[in-house]
N, C-alpha and C. Protein backbone atom coordinates (compact mmCIF):
# COMPACT_ATOMS: atom_id res chain seq x y z
N MET A 1 -17.85 17.86 14.09
CA MET A 1 -17.74 16.86 14.85
C MET A 1 -16.32 16.81 15.23
N ILE A 2 -15.68 17.23 16.60
CA ILE A 2 -14.02 16.85 16.74
C ILE A 2 -13.79 15.80 17.67
N LYS A 3 -13.62 15.06 17.14
CA LYS A 3 -12.33 14.28 18.16
C LYS A 3 -11.10 14.02 18.84
N LYS A 4 -10.64 13.12 19.51
CA LYS A 4 -9.32 13.20 19.88
C LYS A 4 -8.21 13.56 18.75
N ASN A 5 -8.41 12.50 17.86
CA ASN A 5 -7.47 12.15 17.00
C ASN A 5 -7.96 12.66 14.96
N TYR A 6 -9.35 12.85 15.14
CA TYR A 6 -9.81 13.60 13.84
C TYR A 6 -10.89 14.49 14.06
N MET A 7 -11.29 15.05 13.08
CA MET A 7 -12.45 15.75 12.70
C MET A 7 -13.04 15.36 11.54
N PHE A 8 -14.53 15.75 11.93
CA PHE A 8 -15.53 14.95 10.73
C PHE A 8 -15.96 16.22 10.14
N LEU A 9 -16.12 16.46 8.84
CA LEU A 9 -16.88 17.42 8.42
C LEU A 9 -17.67 16.97 7.51
N TYR A 10 -18.97 17.20 7.53
CA TYR A 10 -20.35 16.74 7.26
C TYR A 10 -21.26 17.89 6.26
N SER A 11 -21.66 17.19 4.88
CA SER A 11 -22.71 17.89 4.54
C SER A 11 -23.72 17.27 4.24
N GLY A 12 -24.96 17.41 4.39
CA GLY A 12 -26.29 16.47 4.00
C GLY A 12 -27.40 17.59 4.27
N HIS A 13 -28.53 16.67 4.53
CA HIS A 13 -30.22 17.42 4.76
C HIS A 13 -29.68 17.56 5.86
N LYS A 14 -30.64 18.79 6.46
CA LYS A 14 -30.76 19.64 7.65
C LYS A 14 -31.76 18.89 8.76
N SER A 15 -31.88 17.45 8.65
CA SER A 15 -32.99 17.05 9.32
C SER A 15 -31.31 15.81 10.17
N ASP A 16 -31.80 15.59 11.36
CA ASP A 16 -31.02 14.49 11.80
C ASP A 16 -30.86 12.87 11.48
N ARG A 17 -31.26 12.58 10.37
CA ARG A 17 -31.20 11.39 9.46
C ARG A 17 -29.82 10.94 8.90
N HIS A 18 -29.05 12.44 8.60
CA HIS A 18 -27.73 12.17 8.11
C HIS A 18 -28.08 11.30 6.44
N GLU A 19 -29.21 11.67 6.05
CA GLU A 19 -28.94 10.90 4.46
C GLU A 19 -28.64 11.36 3.24
N PHE A 20 -28.01 10.96 2.46
CA PHE A 20 -27.42 11.68 1.09
C PHE A 20 -26.36 12.73 1.35
N GLY A 21 -25.39 12.31 2.25
CA GLY A 21 -24.55 13.69 2.14
C GLY A 21 -23.12 12.49 2.01
N THR A 22 -22.32 13.74 2.39
CA THR A 22 -21.15 13.49 2.14
C THR A 22 -20.05 14.42 2.76
N GLY A 23 -19.18 13.78 3.24
CA GLY A 23 -17.97 14.48 3.98
C GLY A 23 -16.85 14.19 4.00
N PHE A 24 -15.79 14.60 5.19
CA PHE A 24 -14.01 14.35 4.96
C PHE A 24 -13.88 13.89 6.53
N PHE A 25 -13.28 13.03 6.67
CA PHE A 25 -12.67 12.68 8.01
C PHE A 25 -11.51 13.17 8.00
N ILE A 26 -10.79 13.86 8.82
CA ILE A 26 -9.74 14.68 8.99
C ILE A 26 -8.83 14.37 9.84
N SER A 27 -7.56 14.00 9.67
CA SER A 27 -6.66 13.76 10.73
C SER A 27 -6.10 14.80 11.52
N ARG A 28 -5.82 14.79 13.02
CA ARG A 28 -5.49 15.62 13.67
C ARG A 28 -3.98 16.09 12.98
N HIS A 29 -3.67 15.44 12.55
CA HIS A 29 -1.91 15.75 12.11
C HIS A 29 -2.42 16.64 10.79
N ILE A 30 -3.27 16.91 10.45
CA ILE A 30 -3.48 18.04 8.97
C ILE A 30 -4.37 19.10 9.29
N MET A 31 -5.00 19.12 10.81
CA MET A 31 -6.19 19.70 11.09
C MET A 31 -5.87 21.58 10.67
N ASN A 32 -4.43 21.69 11.53
CA ASN A 32 -4.26 22.58 11.40
C ASN A 32 -3.57 23.80 10.03
N ASN A 33 -3.53 22.42 9.19
CA ASN A 33 -3.60 22.68 7.67
C ASN A 33 -4.70 23.02 6.75
N LEU A 34 -5.68 22.98 7.51
CA LEU A 34 -7.09 22.94 6.82
C LEU A 34 -7.24 24.45 6.94
N SER A 35 -7.35 25.24 5.34
CA SER A 35 -7.24 26.49 5.66
C SER A 35 -8.93 26.92 5.03
N ASP A 36 -9.96 25.88 4.64
CA ASP A 36 -10.97 26.34 3.87
C ASP A 36 -11.86 25.39 3.89
N PHE A 37 -13.30 25.10 4.36
CA PHE A 37 -13.99 24.21 4.23
C PHE A 37 -15.60 24.73 4.11
N GLU A 38 -16.30 24.18 2.75
CA GLU A 38 -17.36 24.61 1.97
C GLU A 38 -18.51 23.62 1.93
N PRO A 39 -19.67 23.31 2.48
CA PRO A 39 -20.49 22.45 2.28
C PRO A 39 -21.09 23.35 1.08
N VAL A 40 -21.30 22.63 -0.32
CA VAL A 40 -21.71 23.63 -1.64
C VAL A 40 -23.23 23.50 -1.55
N ASN A 41 -23.61 22.15 -0.95
CA ASN A 41 -25.11 21.53 -0.88
C ASN A 41 -24.87 20.03 -0.06
N GLU A 42 -25.84 19.36 -0.55
CA GLU A 42 -26.48 18.34 0.50
C GLU A 42 -25.30 17.11 0.02
N ARG A 43 -24.84 17.49 -1.30
CA ARG A 43 -24.14 16.13 -2.26
C ARG A 43 -22.61 16.32 -2.46
N ILE A 44 -22.24 18.06 -2.00
CA ILE A 44 -20.83 18.19 -2.63
C ILE A 44 -20.55 18.80 -1.17
N TYR A 45 -18.99 18.26 -1.08
CA TYR A 45 -18.11 18.93 0.40
C TYR A 45 -16.94 19.49 -0.48
N LYS A 46 -16.40 20.79 -0.49
CA LYS A 46 -15.52 21.20 -0.42
C LYS A 46 -14.09 21.28 0.98
N ILE A 47 -13.05 20.97 0.89
CA ILE A 47 -12.05 21.43 1.36
C ILE A 47 -11.07 21.92 0.78
N ARG A 48 -9.79 22.74 1.63
CA ARG A 48 -8.60 23.59 1.02
C ARG A 48 -7.95 23.15 1.99
N VAL A 49 -6.71 22.54 1.69
CA VAL A 49 -5.46 22.21 2.59
C VAL A 49 -4.12 22.84 2.13
N THR A 50 -3.67 23.72 2.96
CA THR A 50 -2.35 24.40 2.56
C THR A 50 -1.38 23.21 2.99
N VAL A 51 -0.34 22.96 1.59
CA VAL A 51 0.61 22.01 2.18
C VAL A 51 2.00 23.08 1.81
N LYS A 52 2.95 22.64 1.65
CA LYS A 52 4.46 23.49 1.64
C LYS A 52 4.33 24.35 0.52
N TYR A 53 4.07 24.23 -0.11
CA TYR A 53 4.12 25.04 -1.70
C TYR A 53 3.13 25.55 -2.72
N TYR A 54 1.88 24.86 -1.98
CA TYR A 54 0.56 24.62 -2.75
C TYR A 54 -0.77 24.68 -1.78
N ASN A 55 -1.82 25.17 -2.02
CA ASN A 55 -2.95 24.73 -1.87
C ASN A 55 -3.55 23.53 -2.60
N LEU A 56 -4.18 22.48 -1.95
CA LEU A 56 -4.84 21.26 -2.23
C LEU A 56 -6.22 21.22 -2.03
N ILE A 57 -6.97 21.19 -3.31
CA ILE A 57 -8.55 21.61 -3.25
C ILE A 57 -8.85 20.08 -3.09
N LEU A 58 -9.79 19.28 -2.31
CA LEU A 58 -10.51 18.05 -2.44
C LEU A 58 -11.87 18.82 -2.21
N ILE A 59 -12.28 17.22 -3.22
CA ILE A 59 -14.05 17.37 -3.48
C ILE A 59 -14.48 16.06 -3.43
N SER A 60 -15.39 15.96 -2.34
CA SER A 60 -16.10 14.90 -2.34
C SER A 60 -17.39 15.17 -2.60
N THR A 61 -18.16 13.74 -3.33
CA THR A 61 -19.32 14.30 -3.82
C THR A 61 -20.22 12.81 -3.58
N HIS A 62 -21.80 13.13 -3.81
CA HIS A 62 -22.54 11.93 -3.40
C HIS A 62 -22.98 11.40 -4.67
N ALA A 63 -23.26 10.56 -5.48
CA ALA A 63 -24.00 10.17 -6.55
C ALA A 63 -24.84 9.41 -5.99
N PRO A 64 -26.39 9.38 -6.39
CA PRO A 64 -27.06 8.26 -5.90
C PRO A 64 -26.85 7.23 -6.85
N ASN A 65 -27.45 6.06 -6.71
CA ASN A 65 -27.78 5.10 -7.74
C ASN A 65 -29.13 4.72 -7.68
N PHE A 66 -29.41 5.10 -9.53
CA PHE A 66 -30.48 5.02 -9.75
C PHE A 66 -31.17 3.62 -10.24
N ARG A 67 -31.93 2.96 -9.98
CA ARG A 67 -32.49 1.65 -10.39
C ARG A 67 -33.15 1.70 -11.56
N MET A 68 -33.13 1.00 -12.84
CA MET A 68 -33.86 1.46 -14.14
C MET A 68 -35.09 0.26 -13.82
N ARG A 69 -35.99 0.26 -13.90
CA ARG A 69 -37.26 -0.29 -13.84
C ARG A 69 -37.89 -0.82 -15.21
C-alpha cells in the first residue's frame, strides 16, 4: 500500500483478516533507497535499504504469545 508520505509492506495470511503478520512502514524519504523486499513467510519480512556505503538489511518477525495452562 502506497500513501502520500509512506509505503506499507505487509506479510501475513492470504485472507483479508491480516492476522499474525508483520511488516514495515517506509517513509517516502527512503523509498528510493529500498533495493529489495521479500516476504519470507507469514511471520517474517525482510527488506534491504541501500545507504551511502553499504546495504542495510532489516528483518521483522512476529512471535506468537503462548499461554501455559
